[in-house]
Protein backbone atom coordinates (compact mmCIF):
# COMPACT_ATOMS: atom_id res chain seq x y z
CA MET A 1 19.06 -6.67 18.23
CA ALA A 2 18.84 -10.09 19.05
CA LYS A 3 20.80 -10.76 22.60
CA TYR A 4 22.78 -14.37 22.37
CA LEU A 5 24.25 -16.12 25.40
CA TYR A 6 27.92 -17.40 24.59
CA GLN A 7 29.40 -20.49 26.39
CA ALA A 8 33.21 -21.28 24.41
CA SER A 9 35.81 -23.53 25.92
CA TYR A 10 39.47 -23.35 24.60
CA VAL A 11 41.03 -26.52 22.30
CA GLY A 12 44.78 -27.11 21.53
CA GLU A 13 45.81 -24.20 20.65
CA GLY A 14 43.36 -22.02 21.61
CA ILE A 15 44.23 -22.72 25.34
CA LYS A 16 48.38 -21.82 24.43
CA GLY A 17 46.91 -18.79 22.41
CA LEU A 18 45.24 -17.81 25.83
CA LEU A 19 48.48 -18.04 27.81
CA ALA A 20 50.67 -16.57 24.81
CA GLU A 21 47.97 -13.18 24.80
CA GLY A 22 46.40 -13.52 28.03
CA ALA A 23 43.03 -12.60 28.90
CA THR A 24 42.34 -8.72 28.58
CA SER A 25 44.21 -8.52 25.42
CA ARG A 26 41.73 -12.04 24.13
CA VAL A 27 38.74 -9.98 25.38
CA ASP A 28 39.48 -7.67 23.84
CA TYR A 29 40.23 -8.84 19.82
CA VAL A 30 36.72 -10.27 21.21
CA LYS A 31 34.71 -7.47 21.88
CA SER A 32 36.54 -5.48 18.80
CA LEU A 33 35.45 -7.97 16.49
CA ILE A 34 32.25 -8.03 17.76
CA THR A 35 31.42 -4.76 17.30
CA GLY A 36 33.20 -4.07 14.20
CA MET A 37 29.95 -6.83 12.95
CA GLY A 38 27.43 -4.32 14.46
CA GLY A 39 27.12 -6.19 17.82
CA THR A 40 27.92 -5.11 21.24
CA VAL A 41 29.55 -7.09 24.04
CA GLU A 42 27.18 -6.82 27.31
CA ALA A 43 28.90 -9.16 29.82
CA PHE A 44 32.66 -11.95 28.97
CA TYR A 45 33.99 -14.00 32.20
CA PHE A 46 35.92 -16.93 31.98
CA SER A 47 34.93 -19.09 33.92
CA PHE A 48 35.71 -22.92 35.67
CA GLY A 49 33.83 -26.46 34.84
CA ASP A 50 32.77 -27.45 31.03
CA ASP A 51 33.04 -23.22 29.33
CA ASP A 52 36.08 -21.47 29.86
CA VAL A 53 34.45 -18.41 28.67
CA VAL A 54 30.40 -17.60 28.93
CA ALA A 55 29.64 -13.80 27.45
CA ILE A 56 26.25 -12.17 26.73
CA GLY A 57 26.09 -9.82 23.63
CA ASP A 58 23.64 -8.78 20.78
CA PHE A 59 24.04 -9.26 17.32
CA PRO A 60 21.74 -7.27 14.42
CA ASP A 61 20.35 -10.96 13.29
CA ASN A 62 20.63 -13.97 13.57
CA GLU A 63 22.59 -14.44 9.98
CA THR A 64 25.58 -12.50 12.28
CA ALA A 65 25.66 -14.02 15.25
CA ALA A 66 25.70 -17.52 12.94
CA ALA A 67 28.99 -16.02 11.02
CA PHE A 68 30.32 -14.85 14.13
CA THR A 69 30.30 -18.42 15.33
CA LEU A 70 30.66 -20.25 12.38
CA ALA A 71 33.85 -18.69 12.36
CA VAL A 72 34.75 -19.33 16.03
CA ASN A 73 34.50 -22.89 15.62
CA ALA A 74 35.95 -23.14 12.25
CA SER A 75 39.06 -21.92 13.89
CA GLY A 76 39.67 -25.13 15.89
CA ALA A 77 41.20 -23.23 18.85
CA VAL A 78 37.56 -22.77 20.32
CA LYS A 79 34.28 -24.51 20.67
CA ILE A 80 31.69 -22.11 20.64
CA LYS A 81 28.09 -23.05 21.82
CA THR A 82 25.07 -20.14 21.32
CA THR A 83 21.57 -20.08 22.44
CA VAL A 84 19.44 -17.20 21.74
CA LEU A 85 17.78 -15.39 25.00
CA MET A 86 14.29 -13.67 24.55
CA THR A 87 12.91 -11.09 26.89
CA PRO A 88 9.90 -11.87 28.92
CA GLU A 89 8.12 -9.63 27.12
CA GLU A 90 8.92 -12.03 23.90
CA VAL A 91 7.57 -14.42 25.83
CA ASP A 92 4.50 -13.20 26.83
CA GLU A 93 3.78 -12.71 23.28
CA ALA A 94 4.79 -16.30 22.29
CA THR A 95 2.48 -17.26 25.43
CA LYS A 96 -0.29 -15.17 23.25
CA LYS A 97 -0.41 -17.26 19.89
CA THR A 98 -2.66 -20.41 19.21
CA VAL A 99 -0.48 -23.72 18.30
CA ASN A 100 -2.57 -26.59 17.54
CA TYR A 101 -0.37 -29.19 18.82
CA ARG A 102 -0.97 -32.95 19.04
CA PRO A 103 1.33 -35.15 20.87
CA PRO A 104 2.48 -38.45 19.76
CA GLY A 105 -0.42 -40.80 20.27
CA LYS A 106 -2.67 -38.82 21.18
């Protein structure tokens, strides 16, 4: 499974919904949704600053992760950013690949 970092912010009605439902019930719902899509949640935290939520989870593939992100963003109640995470071993494999890149103007 692929691992993803989620950074989310509640918007308008989403903030009102969080106040009405409470944080714990919202986390339970999101975990259930992700599990139902074949994924898992490794960590889920509420935070101060630019993001209201920071979470790390797994999905079977990029298409499923994209479907989740699209559905959340389409709600208009939450703005979510998804970042694909890589293991050190995956980066090691990437460093072994040859790329014949030429910078502009060189």
